[in-house]
Amino acid sequence: RALPRRGGQPGSPALLLIRDTEAQAFGAFSATTIRCSNGFYGTGETFLFSFSPELKVFRWTGRNSFFMKGDVDLLMVGGGSGRFGLWLDGDLHHGGSHPCETFDNETLSPREEFCVQDLEVWGLA
C-alpha cells in the first residue's frame, strides 16, 4: 500500500530495483511516478532490466502501450496476452516475470514466480 505513496514526487521518474531470494537482481524504470491507476499509464521511455549476470535492457517494442498499472493489490509493468513483464503483489513479498509484448523481454528472474528478498524504489528528480 505504501509503494504508490513513496514512488517519488508527482511527475518524476522512478527506478524499481528488486533482488529475489535466488540473488537475481532486476527491475524497471518508469519516466512517470509509480501510482495507483484504473488503466495503464506511462511512456515509451519505460523499460525492464536484469543482471544475469550482465546487464540486459528490454526497451519498448511499440506493439502496445501497457507500460504500468497498479493498485493496492498488484503492480504490473509491461503486458500483452494476459502476461506481465514484471508484477508484484500488494504485500511486495511475491512477484513474477513473463515475456511480454510491451518489451519483448526474457523472464527477469530464474523462476517465473519469485519471492522478494530486497526491494528499493528511487524517485528521481
Protein backbone atom coordinates (compact mmCIF):
# COMPACT_ATOMS: atom_id res chain seq x y z
CA ARG A 1 0.00 0.00 0.00
CA ALA A 2 2.93 2.36 0.59
CA LEU A 3 4.68 1.89 -2.77
CA PRO A 4 2.49 4.31 -4.77
CA ARG A 5 2.81 6.91 -1.99
CA ARG A 6 6.60 6.58 -1.85
CA GLY A 7 7.31 6.26 -5.58
CA GLY A 8 8.63 9.81 -5.83
CA GLN A 9 7.41 13.34 -6.47
CA PRO A 10 4.38 13.52 -8.80
CA GLY A 11 5.62 13.63 -12.39
CA SER A 12 9.13 12.44 -11.55
CA PRO A 13 10.75 9.26 -12.93
CA ALA A 14 11.03 6.17 -10.74
CA LEU A 15 13.51 3.31 -10.58
CA LEU A 16 12.31 -0.01 -9.12
CA LEU A 17 15.07 -2.40 -8.01
CA ILE A 18 14.40 -5.97 -6.88
CA ARG A 19 16.61 -8.80 -5.64
CA ASP A 20 14.84 -12.14 -5.31
CA THR A 21 15.64 -14.95 -2.89
CA GLU A 22 17.87 -16.55 -5.56
CA ALA A 23 20.05 -13.40 -5.58
CA GLN A 24 18.91 -12.33 -9.07
CA ALA A 25 18.73 -8.53 -9.50
CA PHE A 26 16.26 -6.90 -11.89
CA GLY A 27 13.71 -4.13 -12.11
CA ALA A 28 12.04 -1.39 -14.09
CA PHE A 29 12.47 2.26 -14.95
CA SER A 30 9.43 4.46 -15.41
CA ALA A 31 9.63 8.01 -16.75
CA THR A 32 6.49 8.71 -14.68
CA THR A 33 5.77 8.31 -10.98
CA ILE A 34 4.51 4.91 -9.78
CA ARG A 35 0.88 5.45 -8.79
CA CYS A 36 -2.48 3.74 -8.41
CA SER A 37 -4.46 3.63 -11.64
CA ASN A 38 -7.52 2.08 -13.26
CA GLY A 39 -5.73 1.70 -16.59
CA PHE A 40 -2.22 1.53 -17.95
CA TYR A 41 -0.10 4.67 -17.93
CA GLY A 42 3.45 5.66 -18.80
CA THR A 43 5.57 6.36 -21.84
CA GLY A 44 7.85 4.56 -24.27
CA GLU A 45 10.78 5.59 -22.08
CA THR A 46 9.75 2.83 -19.63
CA PHE A 47 11.93 -0.29 -19.71
CA LEU A 48 12.72 -3.51 -17.84
CA PHE A 49 16.22 -4.70 -16.99
CA SER A 50 18.04 -7.60 -15.38
CA PHE A 51 21.56 -8.54 -14.36
CA SER A 52 22.02 -12.15 -15.42
CA PRO A 53 24.99 -11.86 -14.89
CA GLU A 54 25.50 -8.92 -17.28
CA LEU A 55 23.07 -6.02 -17.72
CA LYS A 56 20.22 -6.69 -20.15
CA VAL A 57 17.80 -3.88 -21.00
CA PHE A 58 14.39 -4.53 -22.56
CA ARG A 59 13.00 -1.44 -24.26
CA TRP A 60 9.55 -0.66 -25.60
CA THR A 61 8.70 -2.60 -28.77
CA GLY A 62 5.89 -0.28 -29.89
CA ARG A 63 3.44 -3.23 -30.06
CA ASN A 64 1.23 -1.86 -27.25
CA SER A 65 1.23 0.80 -24.54
CA PHE A 66 0.86 -1.44 -21.46
CA PHE A 67 3.63 0.28 -19.51
CA MET A 68 2.49 0.49 -15.86
CA LYS A 69 -0.68 -0.26 -13.93
CA GLY A 70 -1.22 -0.68 -10.24
CA ASP A 71 -3.46 -0.58 -7.22
CA VAL A 72 -3.09 -1.64 -3.58
CA ASP A 73 -3.13 -5.35 -4.56
CA LEU A 74 -0.92 -5.51 -7.65
CA LEU A 75 1.71 -3.56 -9.61
CA MET A 76 2.22 -4.54 -13.26
CA VAL A 77 4.91 -3.42 -15.71
CA GLY A 78 4.51 -4.42 -19.35
CA GLY A 79 1.84 -6.73 -20.68
CA GLY A 80 0.04 -8.41 -23.51
CA SER A 81 -1.86 -11.66 -23.99
CA GLY A 82 -2.59 -11.87 -20.25
CA ARG A 83 1.10 -11.90 -19.27
CA PHE A 84 3.11 -9.23 -17.48
CA GLY A 85 6.79 -8.44 -17.90
CA LEU A 86 7.01 -7.81 -14.15
CA TRP A 87 4.38 -7.88 -11.42
CA LEU A 88 4.41 -7.53 -7.65
CA ASP A 89 1.60 -8.35 -5.26
CA GLY A 90 0.29 -5.87 -2.72
CA ASP A 91 2.50 -7.06 0.15
CA LEU A 92 5.62 -6.71 -2.07
CA HIS A 93 6.81 -10.17 -0.99
CA HIS A 94 5.87 -12.09 -4.14
CA GLY A 95 6.05 -11.36 -7.82
CA GLY A 96 6.52 -12.78 -11.24
CA SER A 97 8.01 -12.13 -14.64
CA HIS A 98 6.99 -13.40 -18.07
CA PRO A 99 7.95 -12.48 -21.61
CA CYS A 100 5.54 -9.76 -22.75
CA GLU A 101 4.70 -7.89 -25.95
CA THR A 102 5.44 -4.45 -24.49
CA PHE A 103 9.16 -5.13 -24.00
CA ASP A 104 9.83 -8.50 -25.72
CA ASN A 105 11.73 -9.35 -22.54
CA GLU A 106 13.12 -12.56 -21.16
CA THR A 107 11.91 -13.77 -17.78
CA LEU A 108 13.77 -11.46 -15.39
CA SER A 109 14.09 -13.96 -12.52
CA PRO A 110 15.31 -17.58 -12.71
CA ARG A 111 11.72 -18.56 -11.81
CA GLU A 112 8.56 -17.12 -13.39
CA GLU A 113 7.23 -16.54 -9.86
CA PHE A 114 9.64 -15.36 -7.18
CA CYS A 115 9.92 -14.20 -3.59
CA VAL A 116 11.32 -10.73 -2.98
CA GLN A 117 14.44 -10.53 -0.82
CA ASP A 118 15.08 -6.79 -1.21
CA LEU A 119 13.14 -4.03 -2.93
CA GLU A 120 14.01 -0.37 -3.43
CA VAL A 121 12.14 2.40 -5.23
CA TRP A 122 14.04 5.55 -6.10
CA GLY A 123 12.12 8.67 -7.07
CA LEU A 124 14.39 10.61 -9.41
CA ALA A 125 14.18 14.38 -9.61
